[in-house]
Amino acid sequence: MSRDFKLDIIGVGAAKAGTTWTATILDEHPDTCLGHGKELDYFLEDMPLYLQQRLGTTETKMRPKGEKWLKEQFTHSKPGQLKAEFSPRYFGDPGSPRLIHEHNPDAKLLINLRNPVEAAYSFYYHYIAFHPSEVDNFGDAIKIVPEALDYYHYINHIERFAKYFPREQMNIVLMDDIKADNQKVYRDLCEFIGVEAVPLEAVTKRANTAKQIRSTHMRLAFYNLQLFLGKHAATRRMRDLIASNKAIKDMWGRIKQLNIRHEKYEEMSQESREQLVELFREPNERLGEFLDRDLSHWMKIPEHKGVKAS
């Protein structure tokens, strides 16, 4: 493969902070090409726990997919288009900044951020919608796996990327701004990556809305089937054949969607909110200094008012 093949734009996170909205714009814009699927995870160094479980392995490091594989994800690109990828798992992965820099030190990075209290709550519901959970409420999840919240200490991850990429190569967007004026955020994004801000349906369309599971038994059945298909070479070939067949893949997706209802989550308890506000206070203050922006509204605790994630 030619060493001239480089990605121009790489979205690195954070999850549940408007990444799907941004990726959809990159997919729809005529001057940019998003790789097949939003999350290629090409620059991941550490293997996520869910993937270890799905593959039935104790390995903790990802096996490199290779540049040939990466190029195959852009066979639909047209001459002159900027090639883009967006994988929120890069944000918390220790090795991703280095791997991205080795691939293209001039790459432009897209970073989406959201009030970490709301983002963590939204991610909890997103996770249990697709994976079995030992807990059935957010408050218990905080107590059992508090280290999972490290992902939302945004400034720590931004500082890791800043060791490899200058600030001018990072476009950092808050979900607050997308909600307040999505057209301005879109125009600024286009200016950053160097394309014209042509009208796009994706700019005003809501993406990745709140989901809740209808049947936990069906969810568990899907999860166990994924684990089974990933454990052995023969079943992995079967899984890959299914994934490569668009008709079967679409049917599989529709069946899974039947088990999901799109609606607001239950309100977060006051106790959980207060706990998270204090947990994120120090990194939020450091983030505000880095961005030269007032983020004090992220640290306010309204009296007797829950938080709904979407």
Protein backbone atom coordinates (compact mmCIF):
# COMPACT_ATOMS: atom_id res chain seq x y z
CA MET A 1 0.00 0.00 0.00
CA SER A 2 1.18 3.49 -0.81
CA ARG A 3 2.55 5.45 2.11
CA ASP A 4 0.79 8.46 0.60
CA PHE A 5 -2.56 7.17 1.91
CA LYS A 6 -3.35 9.25 4.97
CA LEU A 7 -6.46 10.23 6.85
CA ASP A 8 -6.93 14.00 6.91
CA ILE A 9 -9.49 14.25 9.72
CA ILE A 10 -9.74 12.06 12.81
CA GLY A 11 -12.50 12.39 15.39
CA VAL A 12 -11.35 11.13 18.77
CA GLY A 13 -14.33 11.66 21.13
CA ALA A 14 -15.79 12.06 23.64
CA ALA A 15 -18.63 9.52 23.64
CA LYS A 16 -22.22 10.78 24.04
CA ALA A 17 -21.12 14.34 23.32
CA GLY A 18 -22.31 14.91 19.75
CA THR A 19 -19.86 12.62 17.94
CA THR A 20 -22.60 11.00 15.84
CA TRP A 21 -23.82 14.46 14.77
CA THR A 22 -20.30 15.42 13.69
CA ALA A 23 -19.63 12.09 11.96
CA THR A 24 -22.90 12.34 10.03
CA ILE A 25 -21.85 15.72 8.71
CA LEU A 26 -18.52 14.29 7.56
CA ASP A 27 -20.41 11.44 5.88
CA GLU A 28 -22.86 13.75 4.09
CA HIS A 29 -20.55 16.59 3.03
CA PRO A 30 -19.52 16.26 -0.64
CA ASP A 31 -15.91 17.23 0.10
CA THR A 32 -15.31 14.68 2.87
CA CYS A 33 -15.45 10.89 2.96
CA LEU A 34 -16.15 8.99 6.17
CA GLY A 35 -14.78 5.45 6.31
CA HIS A 36 -17.21 2.53 6.16
CA GLY A 37 -18.96 2.85 9.50
CA LYS A 38 -18.45 5.57 12.09
CA GLU A 39 -16.05 3.74 14.40
CA LEU A 40 -13.16 1.95 12.71
CA ASP A 41 -11.06 1.82 15.93
CA TYR A 42 -7.97 1.61 13.73
CA PHE A 43 -5.75 3.59 16.13
CA LEU A 44 -6.75 1.75 19.31
CA GLU A 45 -3.84 0.29 21.27
CA ASP A 46 -5.71 -1.22 24.25
CA MET A 47 -8.48 -3.75 23.67
CA PRO A 48 -11.79 -2.62 25.25
CA LEU A 49 -13.17 -4.98 27.90
CA TYR A 50 -16.37 -5.63 25.94
CA LEU A 51 -14.27 -6.79 22.96
CA GLN A 52 -12.21 -9.10 25.16
CA GLN A 53 -15.46 -10.68 26.33
CA ARG A 54 -16.87 -10.92 22.82
CA LEU A 55 -13.73 -12.60 21.47
CA GLY A 56 -13.31 -14.79 24.54
CA THR A 57 -9.69 -13.66 24.97
CA THR A 58 -7.44 -12.48 27.79
CA GLU A 59 -5.40 -10.32 25.40
CA THR A 60 -5.31 -6.68 26.41
CA LYS A 61 -3.77 -5.18 23.27
CA MET A 62 -5.39 -4.75 19.88
CA ARG A 63 -3.88 -6.56 16.94
CA PRO A 64 -2.93 -4.02 14.23
CA LYS A 65 -5.40 -4.14 11.35
CA GLY A 66 -2.82 -2.95 8.85
CA GLU A 67 -2.75 -0.12 6.35
CA LYS A 68 -4.23 -2.29 3.62
CA TRP A 69 -7.34 -2.81 5.76
CA LEU A 70 -7.59 0.92 6.43
CA LYS A 71 -7.41 1.77 2.74
CA GLU A 72 -10.18 -0.74 2.03
CA GLN A 73 -12.47 1.26 4.31
CA PHE A 74 -12.29 4.17 1.86
CA THR A 75 -12.89 2.44 -1.48
CA HIS A 76 -15.96 4.66 -1.89
CA SER A 77 -13.98 7.92 -1.64
CA LYS A 78 -13.86 10.25 -4.62
CA PRO A 79 -10.83 12.17 -5.92
CA GLY A 80 -10.21 15.31 -3.91
CA GLN A 81 -12.29 14.30 -0.90
CA LEU A 82 -10.78 14.61 2.56
CA LYS A 83 -10.73 11.22 4.29
CA ALA A 84 -12.19 11.16 7.80
CA GLU A 85 -12.65 8.71 10.66
CA PHE A 86 -14.41 9.07 14.02
CA SER A 87 -13.93 6.64 16.92
CA PRO A 88 -14.77 7.93 20.45
CA ARG A 89 -12.74 5.11 22.03
CA TYR A 90 -9.55 6.92 20.94
CA PHE A 91 -10.23 9.60 23.55
CA GLY A 92 -9.52 7.33 26.53
CA ASP A 93 -6.94 5.07 24.88
CA PRO A 94 -3.36 5.77 26.10
CA GLY A 95 -1.71 4.85 22.80
CA SER A 96 -4.06 6.50 20.31
CA PRO A 97 -2.40 9.95 20.27
CA ARG A 98 0.96 8.39 19.39
CA LEU A 99 -0.49 6.02 16.77
CA ILE A 100 -2.45 8.83 15.10
CA HIS A 101 0.64 11.04 15.06
CA GLU A 102 2.72 8.24 13.51
CA HIS A 103 0.08 7.87 10.80
CA ASN A 104 -0.25 11.57 10.02
CA PRO A 105 1.29 14.32 12.20
CA ASP A 106 -0.69 16.90 10.22
CA ALA A 107 -4.07 15.29 10.87
CA LYS A 108 -6.82 17.57 12.14
CA LEU A 109 -8.47 16.29 15.30
CA LEU A 110 -12.14 16.69 16.17
CA ILE A 111 -13.03 16.59 19.86
CA ASN A 112 -16.62 16.76 21.09
CA LEU A 113 -17.28 17.51 24.76
CA ARG A 114 -20.40 17.62 26.92
CA ASN A 115 -21.15 18.29 30.56
CA PRO A 116 -19.53 15.10 31.94
CA VAL A 117 -22.36 14.54 34.41
CA GLU A 118 -24.88 14.30 31.58
CA ALA A 119 -22.48 12.44 29.27
CA ALA A 120 -21.68 9.75 31.84
CA TYR A 121 -25.38 9.25 32.59
CA SER A 122 -26.23 9.00 28.90
CA PHE A 123 -23.38 6.55 28.28
CA TYR A 124 -24.60 4.31 31.10
CA TYR A 125 -27.96 3.86 29.35
CA HIS A 126 -26.26 3.47 25.98
CA TYR A 127 -24.02 0.72 27.37
CA ILE A 128 -26.73 -1.32 29.09
CA ALA A 129 -28.80 -1.12 25.91
CA PHE A 130 -26.25 -3.34 24.17
CA HIS A 131 -24.43 -5.16 26.97
CA PRO A 132 -25.63 -7.05 30.03
CA SER A 133 -25.06 -5.21 33.30
CA GLU A 134 -24.65 -6.45 36.86
CA VAL A 135 -26.48 -3.40 38.15
CA ASP A 136 -29.89 -2.03 37.28
CA ASN A 137 -29.42 1.60 38.27
CA PHE A 138 -26.89 4.34 37.70
CA GLY A 139 -26.18 5.01 41.38
CA ASP A 140 -24.96 1.45 41.97
CA ALA A 141 -22.89 1.57 38.78
CA ILE A 142 -20.95 4.58 40.10
CA LYS A 143 -20.11 2.71 43.29
CA ILE A 144 -19.13 -0.56 41.59
CA VAL A 145 -17.09 0.79 38.66
CA PRO A 146 -16.02 4.36 39.58
CA GLU A 147 -12.87 4.06 37.41
CA ALA A 148 -15.11 4.01 34.31
CA LEU A 149 -15.79 7.69 34.97
CA ASP A 150 -12.12 8.51 34.34
CA TYR A 151 -13.06 8.72 30.65
CA TYR A 152 -14.96 11.92 31.41
CA HIS A 153 -11.98 13.67 33.00
CA TYR A 154 -11.66 15.39 29.64
CA ILE A 155 -8.61 17.54 30.27
CA ASN A 156 -6.43 14.51 31.08
CA HIS A 157 -7.07 13.05 27.64
CA ILE A 158 -6.75 16.36 25.83
CA GLU A 159 -3.34 16.86 27.47
CA ARG A 160 -2.21 13.47 26.11
CA PHE A 161 -3.17 14.52 22.58
CA ALA A 162 -1.55 17.93 23.12
CA LYS A 163 1.82 16.19 23.58
CA TYR A 164 1.65 15.20 19.91
CA PHE A 165 -0.61 17.79 18.26
CA PRO A 166 -0.61 21.60 18.59
CA ARG A 167 -3.79 23.34 19.73
CA GLU A 168 -4.45 24.70 16.24
CA GLN A 169 -4.88 21.12 14.97
CA MET A 170 -7.68 20.47 17.46
CA ASN A 171 -11.28 21.55 16.93
CA ILE A 172 -12.94 21.29 20.36
CA VAL A 173 -16.72 21.63 20.35
CA LEU A 174 -19.12 21.61 23.29
CA MET A 175 -22.57 20.09 22.94
CA ASP A 176 -23.82 23.29 24.59
CA ASP A 177 -22.78 25.15 21.43
CA ILE A 178 -24.38 22.60 19.09
CA LYS A 179 -27.67 23.01 20.94
CA ALA A 180 -27.39 26.80 20.99
CA ASP A 181 -26.39 27.37 17.34
CA ASN A 182 -25.69 24.26 15.28
CA GLN A 183 -25.27 26.28 12.08
CA LYS A 184 -22.41 28.31 13.58
CA VAL A 185 -20.72 25.15 14.88
CA TYR A 186 -21.07 23.64 11.42
CA ARG A 187 -19.59 26.72 9.73
CA ASP A 188 -16.66 26.74 12.17
CA LEU A 189 -16.08 23.04 11.55
CA CYS A 190 -15.98 23.59 7.78
CA GLU A 191 -13.54 26.45 8.18
CA PHE A 192 -11.33 24.28 10.40
CA ILE A 193 -11.10 21.38 7.95
CA GLY A 194 -11.00 23.65 4.91
CA VAL A 195 -14.26 22.96 3.05
CA GLU A 196 -17.23 25.09 2.02
CA ALA A 197 -20.20 25.16 4.41
CA VAL A 198 -22.76 23.88 1.91
CA PRO A 199 -26.34 23.24 3.16
CA LEU A 200 -26.66 19.81 4.79
CA GLU A 201 -29.66 18.02 6.26
CA ALA A 202 -27.41 16.47 8.94
CA VAL A 203 -26.77 19.85 10.59
CA THR A 204 -30.28 20.23 11.97
CA LYS A 205 -31.12 16.55 12.35
CA ARG A 206 -30.92 14.95 15.80
CA ALA A 207 -28.61 11.95 15.97
CA ASN A 208 -28.18 9.02 18.36
CA THR A 209 -31.20 9.85 20.52
CA ALA A 210 -31.90 8.23 23.88
CA LYS A 211 -32.59 4.48 23.79
CA GLN A 212 -34.06 2.07 26.30
CA ILE A 213 -34.36 -1.71 26.11
CA ARG A 214 -37.76 -3.40 25.81
CA SER A 215 -36.62 -6.90 26.81
CA THR A 216 -33.48 -7.58 28.85
CA HIS A 217 -33.81 -11.28 28.00
CA MET A 218 -33.60 -10.53 24.27
CA ARG A 219 -30.66 -8.21 24.85
CA LEU A 220 -28.85 -10.97 26.77
CA ALA A 221 -29.58 -13.47 23.98
CA PHE A 222 -28.02 -11.14 21.39
CA TYR A 223 -25.00 -10.57 23.61
CA ASN A 224 -24.42 -14.29 24.24
CA LEU A 225 -24.73 -14.99 20.51
CA GLN A 226 -22.06 -12.34 19.81
CA LEU A 227 -19.79 -13.96 22.40
CA PHE A 228 -20.31 -17.39 20.83
CA LEU A 229 -19.60 -16.16 17.29
CA GLY A 230 -16.39 -14.50 18.43
CA LYS A 231 -14.84 -17.34 20.42
CA HIS A 232 -13.74 -19.79 17.71
CA ALA A 233 -12.14 -19.49 14.28
CA ALA A 234 -15.04 -21.26 12.54
CA THR A 235 -17.71 -19.14 14.21
CA ARG A 236 -15.71 -15.96 13.56
CA ARG A 237 -15.75 -16.83 9.84
CA MET A 238 -19.51 -17.22 10.10
CA ARG A 239 -19.73 -13.86 11.85
CA ASP A 240 -17.61 -12.20 9.15
CA LEU A 241 -19.78 -13.70 6.40
CA ILE A 242 -22.88 -12.28 8.09
CA ALA A 243 -21.21 -8.89 8.43
CA SER A 244 -20.25 -8.84 4.74
CA ASN A 245 -23.78 -9.69 3.56
CA LYS A 246 -25.71 -6.42 3.48
CA ALA A 247 -29.17 -8.04 3.38
CA ILE A 248 -28.47 -10.25 6.41
CA LYS A 249 -26.74 -7.42 8.24
CA ASP A 250 -29.70 -5.08 7.66
CA MET A 251 -32.17 -7.73 8.80
CA TRP A 252 -30.09 -8.38 11.93
CA GLY A 253 -30.03 -4.65 12.66
CA ARG A 254 -33.80 -4.33 12.23
CA ILE A 255 -34.42 -7.21 14.65
CA LYS A 256 -32.18 -5.57 17.25
CA GLN A 257 -33.91 -2.23 16.75
CA LEU A 258 -37.28 -3.84 17.53
CA ASN A 259 -35.97 -4.38 21.05
CA ILE A 260 -35.18 -0.68 21.48
CA ARG A 261 -37.55 2.14 22.24
CA HIS A 262 -36.48 5.75 21.78
CA GLU A 263 -37.45 7.77 24.83
CA LYS A 264 -35.99 9.85 27.64
CA TYR A 265 -34.21 8.14 30.47
CA GLU A 266 -35.33 8.22 34.07
CA GLU A 267 -34.12 11.24 36.00
CA MET A 268 -30.78 11.02 37.78
CA SER A 269 -31.00 11.04 41.55
CA GLN A 270 -29.88 14.15 43.41
CA GLU A 271 -27.31 12.06 45.30
CA SER A 272 -25.70 10.75 42.10
CA ARG A 273 -25.62 14.20 40.55
CA GLU A 274 -23.94 15.75 43.58
CA GLN A 275 -21.38 12.94 43.63
CA LEU A 276 -20.51 13.41 39.96
CA VAL A 277 -20.36 17.21 40.14
CA GLU A 278 -17.73 16.94 42.88
CA LEU A 279 -15.87 14.18 41.05
CA PHE A 280 -15.59 16.25 37.88
CA ARG A 281 -15.08 19.66 39.52
CA GLU A 282 -11.27 19.78 39.44
CA PRO A 283 -10.83 18.45 35.86
CA ASN A 284 -13.63 20.77 34.69
CA GLU A 285 -11.84 23.75 36.20
CA ARG A 286 -8.62 22.75 34.43
CA LEU A 287 -10.54 22.27 31.18
CA GLY A 288 -12.04 25.74 31.52
CA GLU A 289 -8.55 27.20 31.88
CA PHE A 290 -7.32 25.26 28.83
CA LEU A 291 -10.25 26.44 26.71
CA ASP A 292 -10.26 29.91 28.28
CA ARG A 293 -13.96 29.41 28.87
CA ASP A 294 -16.35 29.61 31.81
CA LEU A 295 -17.68 26.12 32.56
CA SER A 296 -19.13 26.93 35.97
CA HIS A 297 -22.63 25.95 34.77
CA TRP A 298 -21.38 22.36 34.53
CA MET A 299 -20.68 22.42 38.27
CA LYS A 300 -23.98 23.79 39.52
CA ILE A 301 -26.26 21.51 41.52
CA PRO A 302 -29.92 22.48 41.08
CA GLU A 303 -32.08 21.77 44.09
CA HIS A 304 -34.45 18.80 43.80
CA LYS A 305 -34.05 18.49 40.06
CA GLY A 306 -33.02 15.38 38.15
CA VAL A 307 -31.02 15.21 34.95
CA LYS A 308 -32.33 13.59 31.79
CA ALA A 309 -29.84 12.34 29.22
CA SER A 310 -30.52 12.10 25.54
